[in-house]
Amino acid sequence: MGIFAAGTSPVRADVLIKVDKSAQRMSVLIDGKRRYSWPVSTGRKGYATPTGSFTPSRLVKDHASKEWDGAPMPHSIFFTHRGHAIHGSHAIRRLGSPASHGCIRLSPSNAAKLFALVRKEGMRNTKIVVRGKEPSRMARRKSHARTVKSVTPPRAARSTRTPATRYSSNHGRVQERAYMPNAGYRQPLNTGSIFSWR
């Protein structure tokens, strides 16, 4: 019984890598439980990342692209016969938007984590599912505009109560006196550059 137990292979977990091209995001699930959620870059216009369900075919820790002038592709997980891979990229500012030639880009640190996970659990136990459609440039602009608008407070909330003001002329120059409750008038403020009578 002891010999049989010693000869059994270790239990491996099922790894599911889900890529949503519409959201430009990757989720990594281990035995059905989400472990990671990362921004990615999929294929830009003319270089769409293929959709479908795939199994990794090759792992290469240090790879350079022959098609694109030796561009570095650290921790590559290849999943199509045409050379598409999940790999690290130093263009981290582009993550979250389509920017690649068809591969799925991750930050170098996240690519290293995913590579180690797939190598540990095995390619046969790993499934890559790519869904959605790369957002167009106009859609990305609209999405960005909505985000900016939603986080910008309304004008009324940003403005403070404007104190009552009086204006007087001193030696031909217009000055402003700001009235503060229970404090009378402050020292005159020179507003000649603001109020022009010419």
Protein backbone atom coordinates (compact mmCIF):
# COMPACT_ATOMS: atom_id res chain seq x y z
CA MET A 1 0.00 0.00 0.00
CA GLY A 2 2.85 2.34 0.88
CA ILE A 3 4.61 1.62 -2.43
CA PHE A 4 1.43 2.38 -4.38
CA ALA A 5 1.00 5.68 -2.56
CA ALA A 6 4.59 6.66 -3.21
CA GLY A 7 4.25 5.95 -6.91
CA THR A 8 1.16 8.06 -7.49
CA SER A 9 1.57 11.35 -9.31
CA PRO A 10 0.78 14.57 -7.43
CA VAL A 11 -2.72 15.95 -7.76
CA ARG A 12 -2.77 18.88 -10.15
CA ALA A 13 -5.23 21.74 -10.15
CA ASP A 14 -7.28 22.85 -13.12
CA VAL A 15 -6.25 26.30 -14.38
CA LEU A 16 -8.67 28.41 -16.41
CA ILE A 17 -7.36 31.58 -18.05
CA LYS A 18 -10.23 33.77 -19.22
CA VAL A 19 -9.49 36.75 -21.47
CA ASP A 20 -12.19 39.35 -22.15
CA LYS A 21 -11.10 41.39 -25.16
CA SER A 22 -13.97 43.85 -24.73
CA ALA A 23 -12.83 44.71 -21.20
CA GLN A 24 -9.11 44.12 -21.93
CA ARG A 25 -8.85 42.01 -18.80
CA MET A 26 -7.74 38.53 -17.78
CA SER A 27 -9.07 36.39 -14.96
CA VAL A 28 -7.20 33.32 -13.71
CA LEU A 29 -9.22 30.65 -11.93
CA ILE A 30 -7.79 27.68 -10.07
CA ASP A 31 -10.25 24.83 -9.49
CA GLY A 32 -13.08 27.27 -10.20
CA LYS A 33 -11.94 29.95 -7.77
CA ARG A 34 -10.60 33.23 -9.09
CA ARG A 35 -7.01 33.81 -8.07
CA TYR A 36 -5.96 36.76 -10.26
CA SER A 37 -7.48 39.57 -12.30
CA TRP A 38 -5.13 41.60 -14.50
CA PRO A 39 -5.30 44.19 -17.30
CA VAL A 40 -4.06 42.98 -20.68
CA SER A 41 -3.42 44.24 -24.18
CA THR A 42 -4.80 42.19 -27.06
CA GLY A 43 -4.42 42.75 -30.80
CA ARG A 44 -4.75 46.24 -32.19
CA LYS A 45 -6.56 47.05 -35.45
CA GLY A 46 -5.47 44.65 -38.18
CA TYR A 47 -3.95 42.17 -35.70
CA ALA A 48 -6.94 40.73 -33.81
CA THR A 49 -6.31 38.15 -31.12
CA PRO A 50 -8.14 34.91 -32.04
CA THR A 51 -11.17 33.98 -29.97
CA GLY A 52 -12.02 30.47 -28.83
CA SER A 53 -10.89 27.82 -26.38
CA PHE A 54 -7.24 26.73 -26.42
CA THR A 55 -4.74 24.55 -24.62
CA PRO A 56 -1.15 25.78 -24.17
CA SER A 57 1.23 24.09 -26.59
CA ARG A 58 4.61 25.44 -25.51
CA LEU A 59 6.25 27.33 -22.64
CA VAL A 60 9.31 29.49 -23.32
CA LYS A 61 10.79 31.53 -20.49
CA ASP A 62 12.95 33.83 -22.62
CA HIS A 63 11.61 34.30 -26.12
CA ALA A 64 12.27 36.93 -28.80
CA SER A 65 9.90 37.53 -31.70
CA LYS A 66 11.33 36.61 -35.10
CA GLU A 67 8.49 38.42 -36.87
CA TRP A 68 8.88 41.73 -35.02
CA ASP A 69 12.60 42.56 -34.92
CA GLY A 70 13.46 40.38 -31.97
CA ALA A 71 10.95 42.03 -29.63
CA PRO A 72 11.24 40.44 -26.17
CA MET A 73 8.41 38.10 -25.12
CA PRO A 74 9.33 36.98 -21.60
CA HIS A 75 7.46 34.06 -20.04
CA SER A 76 5.61 33.11 -23.22
CA ILE A 77 2.70 30.68 -23.09
CA PHE A 78 1.97 29.75 -26.72
CA PHE A 79 -1.58 28.64 -27.51
CA THR A 80 -1.97 28.65 -31.34
CA HIS A 81 0.04 27.11 -34.17
CA ARG A 82 0.36 30.60 -35.68
CA GLY A 83 2.47 31.77 -32.76
CA HIS A 84 -0.02 33.58 -30.55
CA ALA A 85 1.09 33.66 -26.94
CA ILE A 86 0.42 35.16 -23.56
CA HIS A 87 3.61 36.92 -22.55
CA GLY A 88 5.09 39.79 -20.57
CA SER A 89 5.56 43.24 -22.03
CA HIS A 90 7.37 46.35 -20.85
CA ALA A 91 4.76 48.54 -22.57
CA ILE A 92 2.77 48.58 -19.34
CA ARG A 93 1.19 51.96 -20.09
CA ARG A 94 -0.69 50.35 -22.96
CA LEU A 95 -2.20 47.64 -20.78
CA GLY A 96 -5.97 47.93 -20.73
CA SER A 97 -6.18 48.78 -24.43
CA PRO A 98 -5.50 46.86 -27.68
CA ALA A 99 -1.84 47.33 -28.58
CA SER A 100 -0.26 44.02 -29.66
CA HIS A 101 0.20 42.19 -32.95
CA GLY A 102 -2.23 39.50 -31.81
CA CYS A 103 -0.62 38.21 -28.63
CA ILE A 104 -1.99 38.78 -25.15
CA ARG A 105 0.30 41.06 -23.19
CA LEU A 106 0.70 41.15 -19.42
CA SER A 107 2.97 43.11 -17.14
CA PRO A 108 6.29 41.26 -16.70
CA SER A 109 5.61 40.37 -13.06
CA ASN A 110 2.12 39.00 -13.79
CA ALA A 111 3.39 37.06 -16.80
CA ALA A 112 6.03 35.44 -14.58
CA LYS A 113 3.35 34.42 -12.04
CA LEU A 114 1.13 32.92 -14.73
CA PHE A 115 4.05 31.12 -16.38
CA ALA A 116 5.08 29.54 -13.07
CA LEU A 117 1.49 28.49 -12.36
CA VAL A 118 1.01 26.81 -15.76
CA ARG A 119 4.38 25.07 -15.54
CA LYS A 120 3.54 23.79 -12.04
CA GLU A 121 0.01 22.56 -12.81
CA GLY A 122 0.76 21.39 -16.35
CA MET A 123 -0.31 22.52 -19.81
CA ARG A 124 -2.83 19.68 -20.08
CA ASN A 125 -4.60 20.98 -17.00
CA THR A 126 -4.68 24.55 -18.33
CA LYS A 127 -7.41 26.00 -20.53
CA ILE A 128 -7.33 29.41 -22.22
CA VAL A 129 -10.66 30.96 -23.22
CA VAL A 130 -10.66 34.17 -25.25
CA ARG A 131 -13.95 35.99 -25.75
CA GLY A 132 -15.25 39.38 -26.84
CA LYS A 133 -14.10 41.89 -29.39
CA GLU A 134 -11.37 44.49 -29.20
CA PRO A 135 -12.97 47.89 -28.51
CA SER A 136 -12.62 50.49 -31.26
CA ARG A 137 -10.70 53.70 -30.69
CA MET A 138 -13.94 55.70 -30.59
CA ALA A 139 -15.44 53.33 -28.02
CA ARG A 140 -12.33 53.70 -25.85
CA ARG A 141 -12.59 57.49 -26.05
CA LYS A 142 -16.27 57.42 -25.06
CA SER A 143 -15.51 55.05 -22.19
CA HIS A 144 -12.72 57.33 -21.00
CA ALA A 145 -15.02 60.37 -21.24
CA ARG A 146 -17.69 58.62 -19.16
CA THR A 147 -15.11 57.72 -16.55
CA VAL A 148 -13.80 61.27 -16.32
CA LYS A 149 -17.34 62.68 -16.14
CA SER A 150 -18.36 60.27 -13.40
CA VAL A 151 -15.45 61.19 -11.14
CA THR A 152 -15.66 64.96 -11.71
CA PRO A 153 -17.84 66.60 -9.04
CA PRO A 154 -20.61 68.94 -10.21
CA ARG A 155 -19.77 72.62 -10.46
CA ALA A 156 -22.07 73.51 -7.57
CA ALA A 157 -20.33 71.04 -5.28
CA ARG A 158 -16.88 72.33 -6.19
CA SER A 159 -17.66 76.02 -5.72
CA THR A 160 -17.76 77.72 -2.35
CA ARG A 161 -20.07 80.51 -1.30
CA THR A 162 -18.96 83.76 -2.83
CA PRO A 163 -18.90 86.55 -0.24
CA ALA A 164 -20.63 89.81 -0.95
CA THR A 165 -18.32 92.35 -2.57
CA ARG A 166 -18.19 96.08 -2.95
CA TYR A 167 -16.11 98.05 -5.38
CA SER A 168 -14.60 101.47 -4.92
CA SER A 169 -12.32 103.68 -6.94
CA ASN A 170 -9.01 104.72 -5.48
CA HIS A 171 -6.78 106.97 -7.59
CA GLY A 172 -8.53 105.83 -10.74
CA ARG A 173 -7.96 102.11 -10.05
CA VAL A 174 -10.81 99.73 -9.27
CA GLN A 175 -10.42 97.82 -6.02
CA GLU A 176 -12.43 95.05 -4.42
CA ARG A 177 -13.40 94.74 -0.79
CA ALA A 178 -14.53 91.27 0.30
CA TYR A 179 -17.12 91.28 3.08
CA MET A 180 -16.91 88.52 5.64
CA PRO A 181 -19.78 88.01 8.13
CA ASN A 182 -19.05 89.39 11.62
CA ALA A 183 -15.66 90.59 10.42
CA GLY A 184 -16.43 93.76 8.49
CA TYR A 185 -14.49 94.58 5.35
CA ARG A 186 -11.01 93.29 4.71
CA GLN A 187 -8.16 95.18 3.17
CA PRO A 188 -8.85 96.24 -0.44
CA LEU A 189 -7.73 93.83 -3.15
CA ASN A 190 -6.25 95.21 -6.35
CA THR A 191 -8.44 93.98 -9.21
CA GLY A 192 -7.32 96.44 -11.82
CA SER A 193 -6.13 93.60 -14.04
CA ILE A 194 -9.54 91.94 -13.83
CA PHE A 195 -11.92 94.88 -14.24
CA SER A 196 -10.99 96.91 -17.26
CA TRP A 197 -13.04 99.91 -18.23
CA ARG A 198 -11.24 100.57 -21.53
